[in-house]
Structure formats: C-alpha cells, structure tokens
Amino acid sequence: MKLSAGVEWAVHCCVVLSQAARPVPAARLADLHGVSRSYLAKHLQALAKAEIVRPVEGRDGGYVLTRPAAEISVHDVVRAVDGPEPAFRCTEIRQQGELAAPPEQCRTPCGVARVMADAERAWRRSLAGTSIADLAAGFDTSRITELVGDVPGGAAAG
C-alpha cells in the first residue's frame, strides 16, 4: 500500500499527543518532527474533522487527542488523512485490447481484483487492530515527555 507522507506525520503526531500533559501547538509538532508547518496543519485539520484531535484555543492552546490513545486506531488516522477509498482500483483491463474478454465473462471480479481486495482487507484489519497507545508503547517516549510534558495519569489529554 502506498500512503501519503501525511499519514506518517499524523500518526507520529498522535503518538506525541498521547504523551502530552497539555495541548501541543501545531508549529511545535512540526518542529519536533522537522516537517513543514503548513503541510502538517492541513493534516491536523483532517484529524480534527475526523474527531481524532481537537484544537484548544488560547495562549496555551494547541492540539489534544479527543479520546484515550487506546481508542484511536492507526486505521482511524489513515482514513482521516488519506480517505476511505480503496488502494486498488480495478479498471477492467481484461475487457480491453486484443485479449479482451466478452462482458458476460466479466460479471464477477477477476483473480487480480479478488487478491487485491483480500490484501487490502487484511491490511485494514491490521491497522484497525493497532492503537496509538500500542505504538506509543513501542517508542522511547522519554524525549517526548521531556519536550512536551508528562502524561496526565497515563491517559490522553481531552
């Protein structure tokens, strides 16, 4: 599967937010990861629209997760940033060119479309089964908490 760079950025930002005791400004999230502030802001807006994060106004504002990190799957983030469209789009090439099959032989998906759909379902299931908390548990989060504050009671800010 080919994902946009925004997916990687958004997932990493969610991991940071899961460890933050207070809202983290978009500019700070961009600086922490060395990425474009304007491009990251677009992805944070997509996460907010999907109700994964929410902006907090004011002098100490920024972004927070809307629910505990254990309740946010990587699949949620992928869908928010890249959308729900399937990665593989069958163009019915089997009905084109010199090898074209007649339409009556193309009433069901071909083997190529079936294997691609099966792979995508497995991929999405894997992402849905992995939470932001699962990812954070695999990171050395000491630098995160050092730079943005401790986790409040082990749960996401919200």
C-alpha atoms as a PDB file:
ATOM      1  CA  MET A   1       0.000   0.000   0.000  1.00  0.00           C
ATOM      2  CA  LYS A   2       1.256   3.447  -0.824  1.00  0.00           C
ATOM      3  CA  LEU A   3       0.317   6.060   1.741  1.00  0.00           C
ATOM      4  CA  SER A   4       0.863   9.792   1.694  1.00  0.00           C
ATOM      5  CA  ALA A   5       3.623  11.274   3.833  1.00  0.00           C
ATOM      6  CA  GLY A   6       0.837  12.958   5.764  1.00  0.00           C
ATOM      7  CA  VAL A   7      -0.216   9.613   7.228  1.00  0.00           C
ATOM      8  CA  GLU A   8       3.206   9.056   8.771  1.00  0.00           C
ATOM      9  CA  TRP A   9       3.267  12.600  10.107  1.00  0.00           C
ATOM     10  CA  ALA A  10      -0.246  12.344  11.536  1.00  0.00           C
ATOM     11  CA  VAL A  11       0.433   9.018  13.260  1.00  0.00           C
ATOM     12  CA  HIS A  12       3.628  10.365  14.838  1.00  0.00           C
ATOM     13  CA  CYS A  13       1.768  13.480  15.997  1.00  0.00           C
ATOM     14  CA  CYS A  14      -0.925  11.335  17.597  1.00  0.00           C
ATOM     15  CA  VAL A  15       1.775   9.406  19.466  1.00  0.00           C
ATOM     16  CA  VAL A  16       3.225  12.704  20.730  1.00  0.00           C
ATOM     17  CA  LEU A  17      -0.218  13.960  21.749  1.00  0.00           C
ATOM     18  CA  SER A  18      -0.849  10.702  23.601  1.00  0.00           C
ATOM     19  CA  GLN A  19       2.138  11.519  25.810  1.00  0.00           C
ATOM     20  CA  ALA A  20       1.496  15.238  26.291  1.00  0.00           C
ATOM     21  CA  ALA A  21       0.113  16.647  29.530  1.00  0.00           C
ATOM     22  CA  ARG A  22      -1.162  19.753  27.776  1.00  0.00           C
ATOM     23  CA  PRO A  23      -2.117  20.915  24.273  1.00  0.00           C
ATOM     24  CA  VAL A  24       0.744  20.924  21.775  1.00  0.00           C
ATOM     25  CA  PRO A  25       0.749  23.713  19.164  1.00  0.00           C
ATOM     26  CA  ALA A  26       0.832  22.674  15.504  1.00  0.00           C
ATOM     27  CA  ALA A  27       4.072  24.579  14.995  1.00  0.00           C
ATOM     28  CA  ARG A  28       5.688  22.658  17.860  1.00  0.00           C
ATOM     29  CA  LEU A  29       4.519  19.324  16.425  1.00  0.00           C
ATOM     30  CA  ALA A  30       6.033  20.298  13.069  1.00  0.00           C
ATOM     31  CA  ASP A  31       9.305  21.358  14.682  1.00  0.00           C
ATOM     32  CA  LEU A  32       9.509  18.152  16.757  1.00  0.00           C
ATOM     33  CA  HIS A  33       9.375  16.128  13.543  1.00  0.00           C
ATOM     34  CA  GLY A  34      11.235  18.502  11.221  1.00  0.00           C
ATOM     35  CA  VAL A  35       8.319  18.787   8.788  1.00  0.00           C
ATOM     36  CA  SER A  36       6.531  21.617   7.000  1.00  0.00           C
ATOM     37  CA  ARG A  37       4.276  23.570   9.344  1.00  0.00           C
ATOM     38  CA  SER A  38       1.726  24.395   6.646  1.00  0.00           C
ATOM     39  CA  TYR A  39       1.558  20.829   5.322  1.00  0.00           C
ATOM     40  CA  LEU A  40       1.209  19.391   8.826  1.00  0.00           C
ATOM     41  CA  ALA A  41      -1.515  21.931   9.661  1.00  0.00           C
ATOM     42  CA  LYS A  42      -3.557  20.540   6.765  1.00  0.00           C
ATOM     43  CA  HIS A  43      -3.294  17.033   8.209  1.00  0.00           C
ATOM     44  CA  LEU A  44      -4.109  18.190  11.728  1.00  0.00           C
ATOM     45  CA  GLN A  45      -7.262  19.754  10.285  1.00  0.00           C
ATOM     46  CA  ALA A  46      -8.149  16.390   8.713  1.00  0.00           C
ATOM     47  CA  LEU A  47      -7.612  14.700  12.094  1.00  0.00           C
ATOM     48  CA  ALA A  48      -9.815  17.332  13.744  1.00  0.00           C
ATOM     49  CA  LYS A  49     -12.546  16.854  11.140  1.00  0.00           C
ATOM     50  CA  ALA A  50     -12.432  13.100  11.889  1.00  0.00           C
ATOM     51  CA  GLU A  51     -12.665  13.936  15.618  1.00  0.00           C
ATOM     52  CA  ILE A  52      -9.322  12.309  16.427  1.00  0.00           C
ATOM     53  CA  VAL A  53      -7.798  15.552  17.707  1.00  0.00           C
ATOM     54  CA  ARG A  54      -9.287  18.864  18.669  1.00  0.00           C
ATOM     55  CA  PRO A  55      -7.767  22.313  18.736  1.00  0.00           C
ATOM     56  CA  VAL A  56      -7.603  24.139  22.053  1.00  0.00           C
ATOM     57  CA  GLU A  57      -7.759  27.927  21.808  1.00  0.00           C
ATOM     58  CA  GLY A  58      -5.786  30.430  23.817  1.00  0.00           C
ATOM     59  CA  ARG A  59      -2.271  31.296  24.852  1.00  0.00           C
ATOM     60  CA  ASP A  60      -1.546  27.727  25.943  1.00  0.00           C
ATOM     61  CA  GLY A  61      -3.520  26.234  23.073  1.00  0.00           C
ATOM     62  CA  GLY A  62      -2.643  23.572  20.601  1.00  0.00           C
ATOM     63  CA  TYR A  63      -3.963  20.104  19.816  1.00  0.00           C
ATOM     64  CA  VAL A  64      -5.102  17.279  22.084  1.00  0.00           C
ATOM     65  CA  LEU A  65      -6.485  13.828  21.373  1.00  0.00           C
ATOM     66  CA  THR A  66     -10.271  13.631  21.662  1.00  0.00           C
ATOM     67  CA  ARG A  67     -10.213  10.266  23.433  1.00  0.00           C
ATOM     68  CA  PRO A  68      -7.702   7.914  25.022  1.00  0.00           C
ATOM     69  CA  ALA A  69      -4.953   6.739  22.658  1.00  0.00           C
ATOM     70  CA  ALA A  70      -6.042   3.122  23.196  1.00  0.00           C
ATOM     71  CA  GLU A  71      -9.335   4.018  21.489  1.00  0.00           C
ATOM     72  CA  ILE A  72      -7.741   5.530  18.370  1.00  0.00           C
ATOM     73  CA  SER A  73      -6.570   3.030  15.772  1.00  0.00           C
ATOM     74  CA  VAL A  74      -3.928   3.592  13.148  1.00  0.00           C
ATOM     75  CA  HIS A  75      -6.703   2.846  10.641  1.00  0.00           C
ATOM     76  CA  ASP A  76      -8.672   5.823  12.021  1.00  0.00           C
ATOM     77  CA  VAL A  77      -5.701   8.079  11.278  1.00  0.00           C
ATOM     78  CA  VAL A  78      -5.125   6.626   7.793  1.00  0.00           C
ATOM     79  CA  ARG A  79      -8.790   7.157   6.878  1.00  0.00           C
ATOM     80  CA  ALA A  80      -8.736  10.699   8.245  1.00  0.00           C
ATOM     81  CA  VAL A  81      -5.679  11.697   6.218  1.00  0.00           C
ATOM     82  CA  ASP A  82      -5.895   9.609   3.040  1.00  0.00           C
ATOM     83  CA  GLY A  83      -9.640   8.964   2.916  1.00  0.00           C
ATOM     84  CA  PRO A  84     -11.643   5.756   2.715  1.00  0.00           C
ATOM     85  CA  GLU A  85     -11.028   4.954  -0.944  1.00  0.00           C
ATOM     86  CA  PRO A  86      -9.515   1.559  -1.727  1.00  0.00           C
ATOM     87  CA  ALA A  87      -5.840   1.468  -2.669  1.00  0.00           C
ATOM     88  CA  PHE A  88      -6.516  -0.724  -5.719  1.00  0.00           C
ATOM     89  CA  ARG A  89      -8.952   0.431  -8.377  1.00  0.00           C
ATOM     90  CA  CYS A  90      -9.865  -2.178 -10.950  1.00  0.00           C
ATOM     91  CA  THR A  91     -10.063  -0.674 -14.449  1.00  0.00           C
ATOM     92  CA  GLU A  92     -11.367  -3.872 -16.054  1.00  0.00           C
ATOM     93  CA  ILE A  93      -8.307  -4.183 -18.257  1.00  0.00           C
ATOM     94  CA  ARG A  94      -9.489  -7.721 -19.020  1.00  0.00           C
ATOM     95  CA  GLN A  95     -12.140  -6.151 -21.292  1.00  0.00           C
ATOM     96  CA  GLN A  96      -9.636  -4.106 -23.304  1.00  0.00           C
ATOM     97  CA  GLY A  97      -7.183  -4.709 -26.095  1.00  0.00           C
ATOM     98  CA  GLU A  98      -6.597  -7.812 -28.151  1.00  0.00           C
ATOM     99  CA  LEU A  99      -7.137 -10.119 -25.171  1.00  0.00           C
ATOM    100  CA  ALA A 100     -10.493  -8.537 -24.294  1.00  0.00           C
ATOM    101  CA  ALA A 101     -12.933 -10.919 -22.669  1.00  0.00           C
ATOM    102  CA  PRO A 102     -16.609 -10.526 -23.529  1.00  0.00           C
ATOM    103  CA  PRO A 103     -18.729  -8.685 -20.919  1.00  0.00           C
ATOM    104  CA  GLU A 104     -20.642 -11.846 -19.983  1.00  0.00           C
ATOM    105  CA  GLN A 105     -17.339 -13.352 -18.763  1.00  0.00           C
ATOM    106  CA  CYS A 106     -16.689 -10.310 -16.572  1.00  0.00           C
ATOM    107  CA  ARG A 107     -19.724 -10.344 -14.266  1.00  0.00           C
ATOM    108  CA  THR A 108     -17.622 -11.159 -11.195  1.00  0.00           C
ATOM    109  CA  PRO A 109     -14.266  -9.748 -10.107  1.00  0.00           C
ATOM    110  CA  CYS A 110     -11.234 -11.402 -11.663  1.00  0.00           C
ATOM    111  CA  GLY A 111      -8.485 -13.076  -9.665  1.00  0.00           C
ATOM    112  CA  VAL A 112      -6.379  -9.911  -9.681  1.00  0.00           C
ATOM    113  CA  ALA A 113      -9.193  -7.799  -8.209  1.00  0.00           C
ATOM    114  CA  ARG A 114     -10.017 -10.503  -5.640  1.00  0.00           C
ATOM    115  CA  VAL A 115      -6.442 -10.876  -4.385  1.00  0.00           C
ATOM    116  CA  MET A 116      -6.021  -7.107  -4.161  1.00  0.00           C
ATOM    117  CA  ALA A 117      -9.293  -6.768  -2.212  1.00  0.00           C
ATOM    118  CA  ASP A 118      -8.249  -9.592   0.132  1.00  0.00           C
ATOM    119  CA  ALA A 119      -4.870  -7.923   0.744  1.00  0.00           C
ATOM    120  CA  GLU A 120      -6.498  -4.570   1.449  1.00  0.00           C
ATOM    121  CA  ARG A 121      -8.950  -6.107   3.919  1.00  0.00           C
ATOM    122  CA  ALA A 122      -6.057  -7.786   5.767  1.00  0.00           C
ATOM    123  CA  TRP A 123      -4.068  -4.539   5.774  1.00  0.00           C
ATOM    124  CA  ARG A 124      -7.003  -2.511   7.102  1.00  0.00           C
ATOM    125  CA  ARG A 125      -7.725  -5.160   9.766  1.00  0.00           C
ATOM    126  CA  SER A 126      -4.102  -4.947  10.916  1.00  0.00           C
ATOM    127  CA  LEU A 127      -4.238  -1.151  11.133  1.00  0.00           C
ATOM    128  CA  ALA A 128      -7.582  -1.269  12.940  1.00  0.00           C
ATOM    129  CA  GLY A 129      -6.087  -3.682  15.472  1.00  0.00           C
ATOM    130  CA  THR A 130      -3.218  -1.344  16.338  1.00  0.00           C
ATOM    131  CA  SER A 131      -3.916   1.665  18.531  1.00  0.00           C
ATOM    132  CA  ILE A 132      -1.946   4.842  19.036  1.00  0.00           C
ATOM    133  CA  ALA A 133      -1.314   3.578  22.591  1.00  0.00           C
ATOM    134  CA  ASP A 134       0.153   0.362  21.137  1.00  0.00           C
ATOM    135  CA  LEU A 135       2.528   2.433  19.021  1.00  0.00           C
ATOM    136  CA  ALA A 136       3.469   4.702  21.920  1.00  0.00           C
ATOM    137  CA  ALA A 137       4.325   1.623  23.988  1.00  0.00           C
ATOM    138  CA  GLY A 138       6.915   0.712  21.360  1.00  0.00           C
ATOM    139  CA  PHE A 139       8.555   4.150  21.320  1.00  0.00           C
ATOM    140  CA  ASP A 140      11.072   5.605  23.711  1.00  0.00           C
ATOM    141  CA  THR A 141       8.725   8.347  24.867  1.00  0.00           C
ATOM    142  CA  SER A 142      11.131   9.877  27.386  1.00  0.00           C
ATOM    143  CA  ARG A 143      12.187  12.558  24.864  1.00  0.00           C
ATOM    144  CA  ILE A 144       8.562  13.324  24.081  1.00  0.00           C
ATOM    145  CA  THR A 145       7.642  13.868  27.710  1.00  0.00           C
ATOM    146  CA  GLU A 146      10.846  15.851  28.202  1.00  0.00           C
ATOM    147  CA  LEU A 147       9.886  18.190  25.326  1.00  0.00           C
ATOM    148  CA  VAL A 148       6.105  18.469  25.741  1.00  0.00           C
ATOM    149  CA  GLY A 149       5.329  17.392  29.319  1.00  0.00           C
ATOM    150  CA  ASP A 150       4.341  14.281  31.208  1.00  0.00           C
ATOM    151  CA  VAL A 151       1.326  12.119  30.535  1.00  0.00           C
ATOM    152  CA  PRO A 152      -1.532  13.128  32.831  1.00  0.00           C
ATOM    153  CA  GLY A 153      -2.435   9.926  34.664  1.00  0.00           C
ATOM    154  CA  GLY A 154      -1.418   7.765  31.721  1.00  0.00           C
ATOM    155  CA  ALA A 155      -4.371   8.856  29.556  1.00  0.00           C
ATOM    156  CA  ALA A 156      -4.665  11.164  26.602  1.00  0.00           C
ATOM    157  CA  ALA A 157      -5.447  14.786  27.230  1.00  0.00           C
ATOM    158  CA  GLY A 158      -9.010  15.536  26.357  1.00  0.00           C
END
